[in-house]
Amino acid sequence: MLMEYCGLFGMDKSDVRFLLDIGYQAEEIEEMFMDTKLLEEAFHEAKKHSKC
């Protein structure tokens, strides 16, 4: 379901896969659909860790 709905919230399937790959749970990503600030924070943290 997550992949089917992501486009409705302006999110690419590749972004959803990325978040799942780095350890986010589907429920957390669903929350990010409703709260874009959470989404921004998640990508910021992921970028910070990928530079290490």
N, C-alpha and C. Protein backbone atom coordinates (compact mmCIF):
# COMPACT_ATOMS: atom_id res chain seq x y z
N MET A 1 0.82 -1.20 0.00
CA MET A 1 0.00 0.00 0.00
C MET A 1 0.86 1.26 0.00
N LEU A 2 1.94 1.21 0.71
CA LEU A 2 2.81 2.36 0.84
C LEU A 2 3.24 2.89 -0.53
N MET A 3 3.68 2.00 -1.40
CA MET A 3 4.16 2.39 -2.72
C MET A 3 3.04 2.95 -3.59
N GLU A 4 1.82 2.43 -3.43
CA GLU A 4 0.70 2.91 -4.22
C GLU A 4 0.29 4.33 -3.85
N TYR A 5 0.42 4.68 -2.57
CA TYR A 5 -0.04 5.98 -2.09
C TYR A 5 1.02 7.07 -2.13
N CYS A 6 2.28 6.72 -2.26
CA CYS A 6 3.32 7.73 -2.14
C CYS A 6 3.15 8.86 -3.16
N GLY A 7 2.75 8.53 -4.38
CA GLY A 7 2.57 9.56 -5.41
C GLY A 7 1.49 10.57 -5.07
N LEU A 8 0.49 10.13 -4.34
CA LEU A 8 -0.58 11.04 -3.93
C LEU A 8 -0.07 12.13 -3.00
N PHE A 9 1.05 11.85 -2.34
CA PHE A 9 1.61 12.80 -1.39
C PHE A 9 2.88 13.46 -1.91
N GLY A 10 3.12 13.31 -3.23
CA GLY A 10 4.26 13.97 -3.85
C GLY A 10 5.60 13.32 -3.58
N MET A 11 5.58 12.04 -3.30
CA MET A 11 6.81 11.32 -2.98
C MET A 11 7.05 10.23 -4.01
N ASP A 12 8.29 10.10 -4.46
CA ASP A 12 8.65 9.06 -5.43
C ASP A 12 8.78 7.70 -4.76
N LYS A 13 8.52 6.65 -5.53
CA LYS A 13 8.71 5.29 -5.01
C LYS A 13 10.16 5.07 -4.62
N SER A 14 11.09 5.67 -5.36
CA SER A 14 12.50 5.50 -5.04
C SER A 14 12.84 6.11 -3.69
N ASP A 15 12.18 7.22 -3.34
CA ASP A 15 12.39 7.83 -2.02
C ASP A 15 11.88 6.91 -0.91
N VAL A 16 10.72 6.30 -1.15
CA VAL A 16 10.15 5.37 -0.17
C VAL A 16 11.08 4.17 0.00
N ARG A 17 11.57 3.63 -1.11
CA ARG A 17 12.49 2.49 -1.03
C ARG A 17 13.75 2.86 -0.28
N PHE A 18 14.27 4.06 -0.54
CA PHE A 18 15.46 4.53 0.15
C PHE A 18 15.23 4.58 1.66
N LEU A 19 14.12 5.16 2.08
CA LEU A 19 13.83 5.24 3.52
C LEU A 19 13.68 3.85 4.13
N LEU A 20 13.05 2.95 3.41
CA LEU A 20 12.92 1.57 3.91
C LEU A 20 14.29 0.91 4.01
N ASP A 21 15.14 1.15 3.02
CA ASP A 21 16.48 0.55 3.00
C ASP A 21 17.35 1.03 4.15
N ILE A 22 17.15 2.27 4.57
CA ILE A 22 18.00 2.77 5.66
C ILE A 22 17.39 2.52 7.03
N GLY A 23 16.25 1.81 7.06
CA GLY A 23 15.74 1.37 8.34
C GLY A 23 14.43 1.94 8.82
N TYR A 24 13.83 2.85 8.07
CA TYR A 24 12.53 3.37 8.49
C TYR A 24 11.46 2.30 8.28
N GLN A 25 10.50 2.27 9.16
CA GLN A 25 9.36 1.36 9.05
C GLN A 25 8.25 2.01 8.23
N ALA A 26 7.42 1.18 7.64
CA ALA A 26 6.32 1.68 6.80
C ALA A 26 5.45 2.67 7.56
N GLU A 27 5.17 2.40 8.81
CA GLU A 27 4.32 3.29 9.61
C GLU A 27 4.96 4.67 9.76
N GLU A 28 6.27 4.70 9.92
CA GLU A 28 6.97 5.97 10.04
C GLU A 28 6.88 6.77 8.74
N ILE A 29 7.03 6.08 7.63
CA ILE A 29 6.96 6.75 6.33
C ILE A 29 5.55 7.27 6.08
N GLU A 30 4.55 6.52 6.47
CA GLU A 30 3.17 6.99 6.34
C GLU A 30 2.96 8.27 7.12
N GLU A 31 3.56 8.38 8.30
CA GLU A 31 3.47 9.61 9.08
C GLU A 31 4.12 10.76 8.33
N MET A 32 5.21 10.45 7.62
CA MET A 32 5.91 11.48 6.87
C MET A 32 5.06 12.01 5.72
N PHE A 33 4.16 11.20 5.19
CA PHE A 33 3.25 11.68 4.14
C PHE A 33 2.43 12.85 4.66
N MET A 34 2.06 12.80 5.92
CA MET A 34 1.20 13.83 6.51
C MET A 34 2.00 14.98 7.11
N ASP A 35 3.24 14.72 7.47
CA ASP A 35 4.07 15.74 8.12
C ASP A 35 5.37 15.88 7.34
N THR A 36 5.39 16.81 6.41
CA THR A 36 6.56 16.95 5.54
C THR A 36 7.82 17.35 6.31
N LYS A 37 7.66 17.95 7.46
CA LYS A 37 8.83 18.29 8.28
C LYS A 37 9.55 17.02 8.71
N LEU A 38 8.80 15.99 9.07
CA LEU A 38 9.42 14.71 9.41
C LEU A 38 10.18 14.14 8.22
N LEU A 39 9.61 14.28 7.04
CA LEU A 39 10.25 13.79 5.83
C LEU A 39 11.57 14.52 5.58
N GLU A 40 11.55 15.82 5.69
CA GLU A 40 12.76 16.61 5.50
C GLU A 40 13.84 16.22 6.50
N GLU A 41 13.45 16.03 7.75
CA GLU A 41 14.40 15.63 8.79
C GLU A 41 15.00 14.25 8.49
N ALA A 42 14.18 13.34 8.01
CA ALA A 42 14.66 11.99 7.69
C ALA A 42 15.70 12.04 6.59
N PHE A 43 15.45 12.80 5.53
CA PHE A 43 16.42 12.89 4.44
C PHE A 43 17.68 13.63 4.89
N HIS A 44 17.51 14.64 5.72
CA HIS A 44 18.68 15.36 6.24
C HIS A 44 19.57 14.42 7.04
N GLU A 45 18.97 13.65 7.94
CA GLU A 45 19.73 12.70 8.75
C GLU A 45 20.39 11.64 7.87
N ALA A 46 19.69 11.15 6.87
CA ALA A 46 20.24 10.12 5.98
C ALA A 46 21.44 10.66 5.22
N LYS A 47 21.35 11.88 4.74
CA LYS A 47 22.48 12.48 4.03
C LYS A 47 23.67 12.67 4.95
N LYS A 48 23.40 13.08 6.17
CA LYS A 48 24.47 13.31 7.14
C LYS A 48 25.21 12.00 7.41
N HIS A 49 24.47 10.90 7.57
CA HIS A 49 25.08 9.60 7.87
C HIS A 49 25.78 9.00 6.66
N SER A 50 25.30 9.31 5.47
CA SER A 50 25.91 8.73 4.27
C SER A 50 27.26 9.38 3.98
N LYS A 51 27.51 10.54 4.53
CA LYS A 51 28.80 11.22 4.32
C LYS A 51 29.87 10.70 5.26
N CYS A 52 29.48 9.96 6.28
CA CYS A 52 30.45 9.44 7.26
C CYS A 52 31.27 8.30 6.69
